[in-house]
Every structure is written in C-alpha cells, then in structure tokens.
Amino acid sequence: MNELLNVSSNPHVRDKGTTSRIMLDVLIALLPASIVGIYVFGIRALILIIVTVAAAVATEAIYQKLMHQKVTVSDCSAAVTGLLLAMNLPVSLPIWMAVLGAVFAVLVVKQLFGGLGQNFMNPALAGRCFLLISFGTAMTNFTLDGVSTATPLANMKNGISVDVLKMFLGNTAGTIGETSAAAILIGAIYLLIRKVINIRIPISYIGTFAVFIVLYSIGSGKGFDPQFLAAHLCGGGLMLGAWFMATDYVTSPITKKGQIVFGICLGLLTGIFRTCGSSAEGVSYAIVFCNLLVPLIEKVTLPKAFGREEKVK
C-alpha cells in the first residue's frame, strides 16, 4: 500500500502552462485586431505598434540590467504590455508620446512595484490613463483616412446616428485596436479555446453593461433601442477591455465569485462613465479603478475553509 503513495511538498496540482506560452497566446490573439488596425489606419499604425512594443521591451531589459536582475523579456510580458498600449492609442499620436507611455507602463507601474505579478493595476491601461491626463488633446485626436473626425461614441453622445455594421467590422475612427469588434472577438475565441482566460469576467462585464445601457435608454425616454445597445457594445474599448485587459491574471480576482463581482463593477462603472461623464468613453478608468478594488473583492468572496476553528482556552 505504501508503494502507491507519493509524498511531496505542495503544490500538488500543477499546470503545464508557462508565462511565456500564455503571453505568446495573447500576442497571437491580438493579431486580428492589429491587422485590422493597420489596414484601416495605414502604415503609421504599424510604426506606432512596433515602436511602442520595442520601447516596452527595452525599458524592462534596461531596468533589469541596471538593477542586476535577471532579464526576463523572453517571457513576452513586456511585449504584451507594449502591444496592448499601442492598441489603445490613436494613430495620430506623436511617436515620442507613445514611447513615454510605454516607459511609464513598464517602469513605474510594473517594475518599480516588483515586476511581473506584483503590479497593482494593468500596466497598459495605466500607461494610457497617464497619457490621457498628460496629453489629453493628442490622445483624443482621432483620424480616419487622414481626416480628424469624432468617434462613433462621441457622435452618439451628440445625438448623431452611427453605422453599427462599420463599428462591428472596424471601419471607424478610434484607437488602433478597438475599432473592430469582430477582430477582437476572433482573438477572444482563440484565448477561450486555448484556456488562457475564462468567460466569467467578460460575460459579467458585458452583460452588466448591456443591462445598464438598456435601463438608461428606457429611463431617458428612448425606450428599448437595439441599435443604441449594439452601438455601445461595439463602440469604444469595451470589447478590447473586457476580453484582453479585465482578464489580466495579476490585476483580476482569483476567486470565482470575485470574478463575477469584478465584472459587475466594471459594467456599472463603464456605463456610468459613458452616460454621465463628460467623455464618451470610460473603459480604461473603470478597469484601473476596479483593479484597486481587487484585494477587497477577494477578501469578501474568499471561500470558507472546511472544518471549524477551535478556541484556545
């Protein structure tokens, strides 16, 4: 009987997945949105993506070298941060601003807090928020076919009708990676098949947001408007944020109930920011804010251990 037992230290349940494999899967999943962004916005989108990714990787390598740490850029986490940041930038943004955003994301938000696994918020979104606060005009200057134009969400906020099909396919103004809901969903399906992410956070996020928009539409006297709902679901950074950034392992809850609560909070905040705020968008701020709530969410939703605690007399 003793021969059937294998005594070893924990953890006893292991996974064959590695950080580099997971990050590589995320890079592959972002390819459809990247390709559509380059097709819609042209060669400058490709240049901005390459420069931002290179700046993120270089920042991590230089910092780790200077701190006499092991250089870990081969795990592709810095590349993912750079690509996600690039996906959240307008194509007209000056190159040096994109580089500054990448340096802030990797150096300040990630490395200064201990590196991969220690950052308290999503580095790419923190970089975007930093750029929005520092260079608001440049970060909200959206172009399409070389002409400055408003995003579909901004048009909706001003009462202008939008083309939902174009929003779904990606032929609209916006940031490089957020315009095509179809391309983002293709990448999301790949991540689900590869079991890189689970569906709890995206579905609870998108579902809560959809309910909020329906209630807002009814409450504002418009009634139930399917086109208004579809436009909000396809527009802005909702799909990119829900599938690629809200699901970040480091900055999202690990408990099942916590993930659902996290998604509900995201949906509510995004809805409030979009409908009540001065800006037409709110995904980035919603995710960054909810990242700060993760420790509290996990504390509340942590499963109770089996058994009971004996009181010491």
C-alpha atoms as a PDB file:
ATOM      1  CA  MET A   1       0.000   0.000   0.000  1.00  0.00           C
ATOM      2  CA  ASN A   2       2.816   2.407   0.844  1.00  0.00           C
ATOM      3  CA  GLU A   3       4.190   1.995  -2.665  1.00  0.00           C
ATOM      4  CA  LEU A   4       1.059   3.713  -4.043  1.00  0.00           C
ATOM      5  CA  LEU A   5       1.760   6.931  -2.138  1.00  0.00           C
ATOM      6  CA  ASN A   6       3.979   9.708  -3.449  1.00  0.00           C
ATOM      7  CA  VAL A   7       4.919  12.102  -0.663  1.00  0.00           C
ATOM      8  CA  SER A   8       5.926  15.566  -1.912  1.00  0.00           C
ATOM      9  CA  SER A   9       5.647  19.224  -0.994  1.00  0.00           C
ATOM     10  CA  ASN A  10       2.819  21.404  -2.285  1.00  0.00           C
ATOM     11  CA  PRO A  11       1.531  22.471  -4.722  1.00  0.00           C
ATOM     12  CA  HIS A  12       0.149  19.068  -5.639  1.00  0.00           C
ATOM     13  CA  VAL A  13      -1.916  20.262  -8.618  1.00  0.00           C
ATOM     14  CA  ARG A  14       0.267  21.659 -11.366  1.00  0.00           C
ATOM     15  CA  ASP A  15      -0.283  23.132 -14.803  1.00  0.00           C
ATOM     16  CA  LYS A  16       1.990  22.772 -17.805  1.00  0.00           C
ATOM     17  CA  GLY A  17       1.363  26.361 -18.837  1.00  0.00           C
ATOM     18  CA  THR A  18       4.206  28.872 -18.615  1.00  0.00           C
ATOM     19  CA  THR A  19       4.227  32.645 -18.575  1.00  0.00           C
ATOM     20  CA  SER A  20       5.882  32.801 -21.992  1.00  0.00           C
ATOM     21  CA  ARG A  21       3.302  30.440 -23.528  1.00  0.00           C
ATOM     22  CA  ILE A  22       0.387  32.398 -22.087  1.00  0.00           C
ATOM     23  CA  MET A  23       1.819  35.727 -23.230  1.00  0.00           C
ATOM     24  CA  LEU A  24       2.538  34.320 -26.680  1.00  0.00           C
ATOM     25  CA  ASP A  25      -1.098  33.218 -26.915  1.00  0.00           C
ATOM     26  CA  VAL A  26      -2.209  36.748 -26.009  1.00  0.00           C
ATOM     27  CA  LEU A  27       0.048  38.194 -28.711  1.00  0.00           C
ATOM     28  CA  ILE A  28      -1.408  35.773 -31.259  1.00  0.00           C
ATOM     29  CA  ALA A  29      -4.958  36.635 -30.141  1.00  0.00           C
ATOM     30  CA  LEU A  30      -4.243  40.347 -30.656  1.00  0.00           C
ATOM     31  CA  LEU A  31      -3.085  39.793 -34.241  1.00  0.00           C
ATOM     32  CA  PRO A  32      -6.567  40.094 -35.862  1.00  0.00           C
ATOM     33  CA  ALA A  33      -7.243  43.449 -34.177  1.00  0.00           C
ATOM     34  CA  SER A  34      -3.711  44.622 -35.024  1.00  0.00           C
ATOM     35  CA  ILE A  35      -4.087  43.657 -38.684  1.00  0.00           C
ATOM     36  CA  VAL A  36      -7.449  45.419 -38.973  1.00  0.00           C
ATOM     37  CA  GLY A  37      -5.999  48.496 -37.277  1.00  0.00           C
ATOM     38  CA  ILE A  38      -3.088  48.597 -39.722  1.00  0.00           C
ATOM     39  CA  TYR A  39      -5.451  48.065 -42.678  1.00  0.00           C
ATOM     40  CA  VAL A  40      -7.808  50.854 -41.574  1.00  0.00           C
ATOM     41  CA  PHE A  41      -5.258  53.417 -40.356  1.00  0.00           C
ATOM     42  CA  GLY A  42      -2.299  52.660 -42.608  1.00  0.00           C
ATOM     43  CA  ILE A  43       1.446  52.218 -42.204  1.00  0.00           C
ATOM     44  CA  ARG A  44       1.670  54.696 -39.340  1.00  0.00           C
ATOM     45  CA  ALA A  45      -0.352  52.328 -37.182  1.00  0.00           C
ATOM     46  CA  LEU A  46       2.258  49.627 -37.829  1.00  0.00           C
ATOM     47  CA  ILE A  47       5.077  52.037 -36.945  1.00  0.00           C
ATOM     48  CA  LEU A  48       3.325  53.072 -33.727  1.00  0.00           C
ATOM     49  CA  ILE A  49       2.803  49.417 -32.737  1.00  0.00           C
ATOM     50  CA  ILE A  50       6.440  48.461 -33.420  1.00  0.00           C
ATOM     51  CA  VAL A  51       7.837  51.497 -31.571  1.00  0.00           C
ATOM     52  CA  THR A  52       5.577  51.059 -28.544  1.00  0.00           C
ATOM     53  CA  VAL A  53       6.339  47.338 -28.210  1.00  0.00           C
ATOM     54  CA  ALA A  54      10.076  47.979 -28.668  1.00  0.00           C
ATOM     55  CA  ALA A  55      10.016  50.754 -26.039  1.00  0.00           C
ATOM     56  CA  ALA A  56       8.253  48.495 -23.527  1.00  0.00           C
ATOM     57  CA  VAL A  57      10.681  45.606 -24.067  1.00  0.00           C
ATOM     58  CA  ALA A  58      13.728  47.887 -23.982  1.00  0.00           C
ATOM     59  CA  THR A  59      12.553  49.593 -20.785  1.00  0.00           C
ATOM     60  CA  GLU A  60      12.192  46.271 -18.991  1.00  0.00           C
ATOM     61  CA  ALA A  61      15.563  44.970 -20.218  1.00  0.00           C
ATOM     62  CA  ILE A  62      17.450  48.159 -19.325  1.00  0.00           C
ATOM     63  CA  TYR A  63      15.878  48.425 -15.866  1.00  0.00           C
ATOM     64  CA  GLN A  64      16.586  44.793 -15.005  1.00  0.00           C
ATOM     65  CA  LYS A  65      20.149  45.126 -16.291  1.00  0.00           C
ATOM     66  CA  LEU A  66      20.765  48.244 -14.214  1.00  0.00           C
ATOM     67  CA  MET A  67      19.259  46.606 -11.121  1.00  0.00           C
ATOM     68  CA  HIS A  68      21.393  43.480 -11.660  1.00  0.00           C
ATOM     69  CA  GLN A  69      18.298  41.362 -12.069  1.00  0.00           C
ATOM     70  CA  LYS A  70      17.667  38.519 -14.457  1.00  0.00           C
ATOM     71  CA  VAL A  71      16.458  39.936 -17.787  1.00  0.00           C
ATOM     72  CA  THR A  72      13.038  38.391 -18.387  1.00  0.00           C
ATOM     73  CA  VAL A  73      11.921  39.959 -21.652  1.00  0.00           C
ATOM     74  CA  SER A  74      11.801  36.477 -23.185  1.00  0.00           C
ATOM     75  CA  ASP A  75       8.590  35.802 -21.229  1.00  0.00           C
ATOM     76  CA  CYS A  76       6.872  38.242 -23.652  1.00  0.00           C
ATOM     77  CA  SER A  77       5.008  40.071 -20.856  1.00  0.00           C
ATOM     78  CA  ALA A  78       6.624  43.407 -21.752  1.00  0.00           C
ATOM     79  CA  ALA A  79       5.746  42.836 -25.412  1.00  0.00           C
ATOM     80  CA  VAL A  80       2.103  42.222 -24.446  1.00  0.00           C
ATOM     81  CA  THR A  81       2.076  45.433 -22.395  1.00  0.00           C
ATOM     82  CA  GLY A  82       3.505  47.383 -25.314  1.00  0.00           C
ATOM     83  CA  LEU A  83       1.067  45.915 -27.825  1.00  0.00           C
ATOM     84  CA  LEU A  84      -1.968  46.477 -25.584  1.00  0.00           C
ATOM     85  CA  LEU A  85      -0.877  50.066 -25.035  1.00  0.00           C
ATOM     86  CA  ALA A  86      -0.475  50.572 -28.780  1.00  0.00           C
ATOM     87  CA  MET A  87      -3.970  49.131 -29.312  1.00  0.00           C
ATOM     88  CA  ASN A  88      -5.276  51.891 -27.026  1.00  0.00           C
ATOM     89  CA  LEU A  89      -3.580  54.784 -28.822  1.00  0.00           C
ATOM     90  CA  PRO A  90      -4.901  56.987 -31.652  1.00  0.00           C
ATOM     91  CA  VAL A  91      -2.880  56.614 -34.820  1.00  0.00           C
ATOM     92  CA  SER A  92      -2.115  60.355 -34.898  1.00  0.00           C
ATOM     93  CA  LEU A  93      -0.320  60.311 -31.524  1.00  0.00           C
ATOM     94  CA  PRO A  94       3.288  61.563 -31.735  1.00  0.00           C
ATOM     95  CA  ILE A  95       5.806  58.725 -31.515  1.00  0.00           C
ATOM     96  CA  TRP A  96       7.612  60.177 -28.510  1.00  0.00           C
ATOM     97  CA  MET A  97       4.373  60.219 -26.510  1.00  0.00           C
ATOM     98  CA  ALA A  98       3.824  56.535 -27.246  1.00  0.00           C
ATOM     99  CA  VAL A  99       7.373  55.803 -26.077  1.00  0.00           C
ATOM    100  CA  LEU A 100       6.789  57.816 -22.895  1.00  0.00           C
ATOM    101  CA  GLY A 101       3.587  55.883 -22.227  1.00  0.00           C
ATOM    102  CA  ALA A 102       5.383  52.553 -22.678  1.00  0.00           C
ATOM    103  CA  VAL A 103       8.188  53.618 -20.317  1.00  0.00           C
ATOM    104  CA  PHE A 104       5.647  54.692 -17.682  1.00  0.00           C
ATOM    105  CA  ALA A 105       3.664  51.445 -18.017  1.00  0.00           C
ATOM    106  CA  VAL A 106       6.658  49.125 -17.676  1.00  0.00           C
ATOM    107  CA  LEU A 107       8.957  51.117 -15.400  1.00  0.00           C
ATOM    108  CA  VAL A 108       6.587  52.830 -12.969  1.00  0.00           C
ATOM    109  CA  VAL A 109       3.562  50.533 -12.850  1.00  0.00           C
ATOM    110  CA  LYS A 110       5.285  47.179 -13.333  1.00  0.00           C
ATOM    111  CA  GLN A 111       8.992  47.142 -12.425  1.00  0.00           C
ATOM    112  CA  LEU A 112       9.012  49.614  -9.544  1.00  0.00           C
ATOM    113  CA  PHE A 113       6.356  47.508  -7.824  1.00  0.00           C
ATOM    114  CA  GLY A 114       8.344  44.302  -8.128  1.00  0.00           C
ATOM    115  CA  GLY A 115       7.947  43.196 -11.724  1.00  0.00           C
ATOM    116  CA  LEU A 116       5.550  40.697 -13.269  1.00  0.00           C
ATOM    117  CA  GLY A 117       2.931  39.536 -10.779  1.00  0.00           C
ATOM    118  CA  GLN A 118       3.402  42.482  -8.399  1.00  0.00           C
ATOM    119  CA  ASN A 119       1.777  45.363 -10.292  1.00  0.00           C
ATOM    120  CA  PHE A 120      -1.427  46.644  -8.675  1.00  0.00           C
ATOM    121  CA  MET A 121      -3.125  47.725 -11.911  1.00  0.00           C
ATOM    122  CA  ASN A 122      -2.966  46.849 -15.582  1.00  0.00           C
ATOM    123  CA  PRO A 123       0.263  48.464 -16.871  1.00  0.00           C
ATOM    124  CA  ALA A 124      -1.007  49.123 -20.404  1.00  0.00           C
ATOM    125  CA  LEU A 125      -4.159  50.869 -19.190  1.00  0.00           C
ATOM    126  CA  ALA A 126      -2.199  52.776 -16.564  1.00  0.00           C
ATOM    127  CA  GLY A 127       0.043  53.976 -19.386  1.00  0.00           C
ATOM    128  CA  ARG A 128      -2.968  55.052 -21.401  1.00  0.00           C
ATOM    129  CA  CYS A 129      -4.522  56.887 -18.446  1.00  0.00           C
ATOM    130  CA  PHE A 130      -1.173  58.619 -17.837  1.00  0.00           C
ATOM    131  CA  LEU A 131      -1.135  59.811 -21.450  1.00  0.00           C
ATOM    132  CA  LEU A 132      -4.794  60.891 -21.295  1.00  0.00           C
ATOM    133  CA  ILE A 133      -4.107  63.016 -18.230  1.00  0.00           C
ATOM    134  CA  SER A 134      -0.831  64.422 -19.584  1.00  0.00           C
ATOM    135  CA  PHE A 135      -1.703  64.885 -23.264  1.00  0.00           C
ATOM    136  CA  GLY A 136      -5.490  64.967 -23.432  1.00  0.00           C
ATOM    137  CA  THR A 137      -5.737  66.755 -26.766  1.00  0.00           C
ATOM    138  CA  ALA A 138      -3.342  64.424 -28.583  1.00  0.00           C
ATOM    139  CA  MET A 139      -4.953  61.321 -27.050  1.00  0.00           C
ATOM    140  CA  THR A 140      -8.428  62.363 -28.223  1.00  0.00           C
ATOM    141  CA  ASN A 141      -7.425  63.412 -31.729  1.00  0.00           C
ATOM    142  CA  PHE A 142      -8.861  60.591 -33.829  1.00  0.00           C
ATOM    143  CA  THR A 143      -8.392  60.368 -37.571  1.00  0.00           C
ATOM    144  CA  LEU A 144      -9.796  58.213 -40.360  1.00  0.00           C
ATOM    145  CA  ASP A 145      -8.413  58.341 -43.895  1.00  0.00           C
ATOM    146  CA  GLY A 146      -6.144  61.169 -42.796  1.00  0.00           C
ATOM    147  CA  VAL A 147      -9.028  63.373 -41.621  1.00  0.00           C
ATOM    148  CA  SER A 148      -9.724  64.239 -37.988  1.00  0.00           C
ATOM    149  CA  THR A 149     -13.171  63.032 -37.007  1.00  0.00           C
ATOM    150  CA  ALA A 150     -15.215  62.114 -33.966  1.00  0.00           C
ATOM    151  CA  THR A 151     -15.560  58.541 -32.779  1.00  0.00           C
ATOM    152  CA  PRO A 152     -18.943  56.790 -33.060  1.00  0.00           C
ATOM    153  CA  LEU A 153     -19.440  57.044 -29.293  1.00  0.00           C
ATOM    154  CA  ALA A 154     -18.812  60.797 -29.404  1.00  0.00           C
ATOM    155  CA  ASN A 155     -21.323  61.122 -32.251  1.00  0.00           C
ATOM    156  CA  MET A 156     -23.893  59.154 -30.267  1.00  0.00           C
ATOM    157  CA  LYS A 157     -23.366  61.405 -27.250  1.00  0.00           C
ATOM    158  CA  ASN A 158     -24.111  64.375 -29.515  1.00  0.00           C
ATOM    159  CA  GLY A 159     -27.243  62.757 -30.936  1.00  0.00           C
ATOM    160  CA  ILE A 160     -25.709  61.807 -34.295  1.00  0.00           C
ATOM    161  CA  SER A 161     -26.640  58.418 -35.792  1.00  0.00           C
ATOM    162  CA  VAL A 162     -23.906  55.837 -36.348  1.00  0.00           C
ATOM    163  CA  ASP A 163     -23.369  52.802 -38.579  1.00  0.00           C
ATOM    164  CA  VAL A 164     -23.284  49.746 -36.318  1.00  0.00           C
ATOM    165  CA  LEU A 165     -22.023  47.426 -39.079  1.00  0.00           C
ATOM    166  CA  LYS A 166     -18.977  49.646 -39.661  1.00  0.00           C
ATOM    167  CA  MET A 167     -18.359  49.676 -35.925  1.00  0.00           C
ATOM    168  CA  PHE A 168     -18.517  45.884 -35.816  1.00  0.00           C
ATOM    169  CA  LEU A 169     -16.136  45.470 -38.760  1.00  0.00           C
ATOM    170  CA  GLY A 170     -13.791  48.298 -37.762  1.00  0.00           C
ATOM    171  CA  ASN A 171     -14.016  50.990 -40.430  1.00  0.00           C
ATOM    172  CA  THR A 172     -14.484  53.841 -37.951  1.00  0.00           C
ATOM    173  CA  ALA A 173     -12.433  56.396 -36.057  1.00  0.00           C
ATOM    174  CA  GLY A 174     -10.944  55.347 -32.739  1.00  0.00           C
ATOM    175  CA  THR A 175      -7.793  53.854 -31.301  1.00  0.00           C
ATOM    176  CA  ILE A 176      -5.775  51.377 -33.354  1.00  0.00           C
ATOM    177  CA  GLY A 177      -7.077  48.182 -31.783  1.00  0.00           C
ATOM    178  CA  GLU A 178     -10.554  48.990 -30.512  1.00  0.00           C
ATOM    179  CA  THR A 179     -12.472  49.743 -33.708  1.00  0.00           C
ATOM    180  CA  SER A 180     -13.185  46.187 -34.917  1.00  0.00           C
ATOM    181  CA  ALA A 181     -15.375  44.209 -32.513  1.00  0.00           C
ATOM    182  CA  ALA A 182     -15.264  41.292 -34.963  1.00  0.00           C
ATOM    183  CA  ALA A 183     -11.460  41.063 -34.899  1.00  0.00           C
ATOM    184  CA  ILE A 184     -11.405  41.316 -31.101  1.00  0.00           C
ATOM    185  CA  LEU A 185     -13.965  38.523 -30.788  1.00  0.00           C
ATOM    186  CA  ILE A 186     -11.865  36.283 -33.047  1.00  0.00           C
ATOM    187  CA  GLY A 187      -8.932  36.787 -30.690  1.00  0.00           C
ATOM    188  CA  ALA A 188     -11.183  36.201 -27.677  1.00  0.00           C
ATOM    189  CA  ILE A 189     -12.374  32.876 -29.096  1.00  0.00           C
ATOM    190  CA  TYR A 190      -8.747  31.835 -29.559  1.00  0.00           C
ATOM    191  CA  LEU A 191      -7.978  32.645 -25.908  1.00  0.00           C
ATOM    192  CA  LEU A 192     -11.018  30.684 -24.742  1.00  0.00           C
ATOM    193  CA  ILE A 193     -10.068  27.671 -26.854  1.00  0.00           C
ATOM    194  CA  ARG A 194      -6.524  27.811 -25.502  1.00  0.00           C
ATOM    195  CA  LYS A 195      -7.975  28.182 -21.982  1.00  0.00           C
ATOM    196  CA  VAL A 196      -5.875  31.270 -21.358  1.00  0.00           C
ATOM    197  CA  ILE A 197      -8.903  33.111 -19.976  1.00  0.00           C
ATOM    198  CA  ASN A 198     -12.258  32.048 -18.583  1.00  0.00           C
ATOM    199  CA  ILE A 199     -15.552  33.588 -19.559  1.00  0.00           C
ATOM    200  CA  ARG A 200     -16.721  34.820 -16.140  1.00  0.00           C
ATOM    201  CA  ILE A 201     -15.239  38.330 -16.173  1.00  0.00           C
ATOM    202  CA  PRO A 202     -16.011  39.220 -19.831  1.00  0.00           C
ATOM    203  CA  ILE A 203     -19.590  37.918 -19.710  1.00  0.00           C
ATOM    204  CA  SER A 204     -20.441  39.512 -16.357  1.00  0.00           C
ATOM    205  CA  TYR A 205     -18.798  42.755 -17.543  1.00  0.00           C
ATOM    206  CA  ILE A 206     -20.513  42.939 -20.926  1.00  0.00           C
ATOM    207  CA  GLY A 207     -23.813  41.609 -19.547  1.00  0.00           C
ATOM    208  CA  THR A 208     -23.959  44.153 -16.718  1.00  0.00           C
ATOM    209  CA  PHE A 209     -23.041  46.956 -19.096  1.00  0.00           C
ATOM    210  CA  ALA A 210     -25.758  45.857 -21.555  1.00  0.00           C
ATOM    211  CA  VAL A 211     -28.391  45.847 -18.811  1.00  0.00           C
ATOM    212  CA  PHE A 212     -27.236  49.295 -17.673  1.00  0.00           C
ATOM    213  CA  ILE A 213     -27.496  50.711 -21.195  1.00  0.00           C
ATOM    214  CA  VAL A 214     -30.965  49.213 -21.697  1.00  0.00           C
ATOM    215  CA  LEU A 215     -32.196  50.714 -18.415  1.00  0.00           C
ATOM    216  CA  TYR A 216     -30.572  54.046 -19.269  1.00  0.00           C
ATOM    217  CA  SER A 217     -32.206  54.036 -22.703  1.00  0.00           C
ATOM    218  CA  ILE A 218     -35.628  53.304 -21.214  1.00  0.00           C
ATOM    219  CA  GLY A 219     -35.157  55.789 -18.382  1.00  0.00           C
ATOM    220  CA  SER A 220     -34.126  58.589 -20.753  1.00  0.00           C
ATOM    221  CA  GLY A 221     -37.317  58.166 -22.782  1.00  0.00           C
ATOM    222  CA  LYS A 222     -35.811  56.414 -25.804  1.00  0.00           C
ATOM    223  CA  GLY A 223     -37.369  53.081 -24.974  1.00  0.00           C
ATOM    224  CA  PHE A 224     -35.624  49.827 -25.778  1.00  0.00           C
ATOM    225  CA  ASP A 225     -33.393  50.619 -28.773  1.00  0.00           C
ATOM    226  CA  PRO A 226     -31.457  47.580 -30.091  1.00  0.00           C
ATOM    227  CA  GLN A 227     -29.309  49.752 -32.348  1.00  0.00           C
ATOM    228  CA  PHE A 228     -28.322  52.017 -29.468  1.00  0.00           C
ATOM    229  CA  LEU A 229     -27.361  48.972 -27.404  1.00  0.00           C
ATOM    230  CA  ALA A 230     -25.430  47.328 -30.264  1.00  0.00           C
ATOM    231  CA  ALA A 231     -23.535  50.548 -30.959  1.00  0.00           C
ATOM    232  CA  HIS A 232     -22.468  50.816 -27.312  1.00  0.00           C
ATOM    233  CA  LEU A 233     -21.363  47.181 -27.272  1.00  0.00           C
ATOM    234  CA  CYS A 234     -19.304  47.525 -30.465  1.00  0.00           C
ATOM    235  CA  GLY A 235     -18.031  51.031 -29.809  1.00  0.00           C
ATOM    236  CA  GLY A 236     -15.010  52.222 -27.890  1.00  0.00           C
ATOM    237  CA  GLY A 237     -12.781  49.966 -25.853  1.00  0.00           C
ATOM    238  CA  LEU A 238     -15.465  47.756 -24.296  1.00  0.00           C
ATOM    239  CA  MET A 239     -14.659  44.549 -26.196  1.00  0.00           C
ATOM    240  CA  LEU A 240     -10.888  45.050 -26.057  1.00  0.00           C
ATOM    241  CA  GLY A 241     -11.054  45.864 -22.353  1.00  0.00           C
ATOM    242  CA  ALA A 242     -13.434  43.042 -21.443  1.00  0.00           C
ATOM    243  CA  TRP A 243     -11.555  40.246 -23.208  1.00  0.00           C
ATOM    244  CA  PHE A 244      -7.923  41.339 -23.055  1.00  0.00           C
ATOM    245  CA  MET A 245      -7.379  43.664 -20.086  1.00  0.00           C
ATOM    246  CA  ALA A 246     -10.024  42.964 -17.482  1.00  0.00           C
ATOM    247  CA  THR A 247      -8.931  39.311 -17.614  1.00  0.00           C
ATOM    248  CA  ASP A 248      -5.324  40.107 -16.694  1.00  0.00           C
ATOM    249  CA  TYR A 249      -4.220  37.433 -14.207  1.00  0.00           C
ATOM    250  CA  VAL A 250      -2.336  39.793 -11.930  1.00  0.00           C
ATOM    251  CA  THR A 251      -4.947  42.518 -11.548  1.00  0.00           C
ATOM    252  CA  SER A 252      -8.190  40.498 -11.513  1.00  0.00           C
ATOM    253  CA  PRO A 253      -9.678  38.350  -8.712  1.00  0.00           C
ATOM    254  CA  ILE A 254      -8.756  34.675  -8.443  1.00  0.00           C
ATOM    255  CA  THR A 255     -11.994  33.581  -6.754  1.00  0.00           C
ATOM    256  CA  LYS A 256     -14.922  32.566  -8.996  1.00  0.00           C
ATOM    257  CA  LYS A 257     -17.452  34.750  -7.176  1.00  0.00           C
ATOM    258  CA  GLY A 258     -14.912  37.560  -7.089  1.00  0.00           C
ATOM    259  CA  GLN A 259     -14.508  37.452 -10.865  1.00  0.00           C
ATOM    260  CA  ILE A 260     -18.253  37.865 -11.312  1.00  0.00           C
ATOM    261  CA  VAL A 261     -18.391  40.722  -8.788  1.00  0.00           C
ATOM    262  CA  PHE A 262     -15.414  42.293 -10.546  1.00  0.00           C
ATOM    263  CA  GLY A 263     -17.200  42.085 -13.913  1.00  0.00           C
ATOM    264  CA  ILE A 264     -20.383  43.593 -12.474  1.00  0.00           C
ATOM    265  CA  CYS A 265     -18.430  46.517 -11.006  1.00  0.00           C
ATOM    266  CA  LEU A 266     -16.733  47.066 -14.349  1.00  0.00           C
ATOM    267  CA  GLY A 267     -20.042  47.070 -16.216  1.00  0.00           C
ATOM    268  CA  LEU A 268     -21.651  49.539 -13.829  1.00  0.00           C
ATOM    269  CA  LEU A 269     -18.705  51.931 -13.817  1.00  0.00           C
ATOM    270  CA  THR A 270     -18.290  51.827 -17.604  1.00  0.00           C
ATOM    271  CA  GLY A 271     -21.989  52.568 -18.030  1.00  0.00           C
ATOM    272  CA  ILE A 272     -21.867  55.460 -15.573  1.00  0.00           C
ATOM    273  CA  PHE A 273     -18.737  56.952 -17.130  1.00  0.00           C
ATOM    274  CA  ARG A 274     -20.136  56.703 -20.655  1.00  0.00           C
ATOM    275  CA  THR A 275     -23.619  58.050 -19.985  1.00  0.00           C
ATOM    276  CA  CYS A 276     -22.999  60.540 -17.185  1.00  0.00           C
ATOM    277  CA  GLY A 277     -19.409  61.640 -17.731  1.00  0.00           C
ATOM    278  CA  SER A 278     -18.082  64.361 -19.978  1.00  0.00           C
ATOM    279  CA  SER A 279     -16.145  61.808 -22.045  1.00  0.00           C
ATOM    280  CA  ALA A 280     -17.816  59.359 -24.416  1.00  0.00           C
ATOM    281  CA  GLU A 281     -15.579  56.537 -23.175  1.00  0.00           C
ATOM    282  CA  GLY A 282     -14.836  55.094 -19.745  1.00  0.00           C
ATOM    283  CA  VAL A 283     -13.423  51.581 -20.076  1.00  0.00           C
ATOM    284  CA  SER A 284      -9.833  52.424 -19.143  1.00  0.00           C
ATOM    285  CA  TYR A 285     -10.742  54.307 -15.978  1.00  0.00           C
ATOM    286  CA  ALA A 286     -13.291  51.661 -14.988  1.00  0.00           C
ATOM    287  CA  ILE A 287     -10.746  48.832 -15.220  1.00  0.00           C
ATOM    288  CA  VAL A 288      -7.977  50.755 -13.452  1.00  0.00           C
ATOM    289  CA  PHE A 289     -10.354  51.753 -10.641  1.00  0.00           C
ATOM    290  CA  CYS A 290     -11.661  48.197 -10.226  1.00  0.00           C
ATOM    291  CA  ASN A 291      -8.072  46.877 -10.184  1.00  0.00           C
ATOM    292  CA  LEU A 292      -7.710  48.787  -6.911  1.00  0.00           C
ATOM    293  CA  LEU A 293     -10.782  47.025  -5.525  1.00  0.00           C
ATOM    294  CA  VAL A 294      -9.482  43.509  -6.224  1.00  0.00           C
ATOM    295  CA  PRO A 295      -7.958  42.901  -2.747  1.00  0.00           C
ATOM    296  CA  LEU A 296     -11.274  43.870  -1.118  1.00  0.00           C
ATOM    297  CA  ILE A 297     -13.298  41.764  -3.582  1.00  0.00           C
ATOM    298  CA  GLU A 298     -11.109  38.733  -2.922  1.00  0.00           C
ATOM    299  CA  LYS A 299     -11.356  39.223   0.844  1.00  0.00           C
ATOM    300  CA  VAL A 300     -15.157  39.263   0.690  1.00  0.00           C
ATOM    301  CA  THR A 301     -15.510  36.374  -1.772  1.00  0.00           C
ATOM    302  CA  LEU A 302     -12.799  34.070  -0.387  1.00  0.00           C
ATOM    303  CA  PRO A 303     -14.316  30.587   0.168  1.00  0.00           C
ATOM    304  CA  LYS A 304     -14.545  29.408   3.744  1.00  0.00           C
ATOM    305  CA  ALA A 305     -12.193  26.614   4.734  1.00  0.00           C
ATOM    306  CA  PHE A 306     -13.577  23.204   5.671  1.00  0.00           C
ATOM    307  CA  GLY A 307     -13.919  22.418   9.353  1.00  0.00           C
ATOM    308  CA  ARG A 308     -14.046  24.829  12.233  1.00  0.00           C
ATOM    309  CA  GLU A 309     -11.594  26.769  14.342  1.00  0.00           C
ATOM    310  CA  GLU A 310     -11.077  25.590  17.889  1.00  0.00           C
ATOM    311  CA  LYS A 311     -10.893  28.310  20.508  1.00  0.00           C
ATOM    312  CA  VAL A 312      -7.780  28.159  22.650  1.00  0.00           C
ATOM    313  CA  LYS A 313      -8.674  28.069  26.341  1.00  0.00           C
END
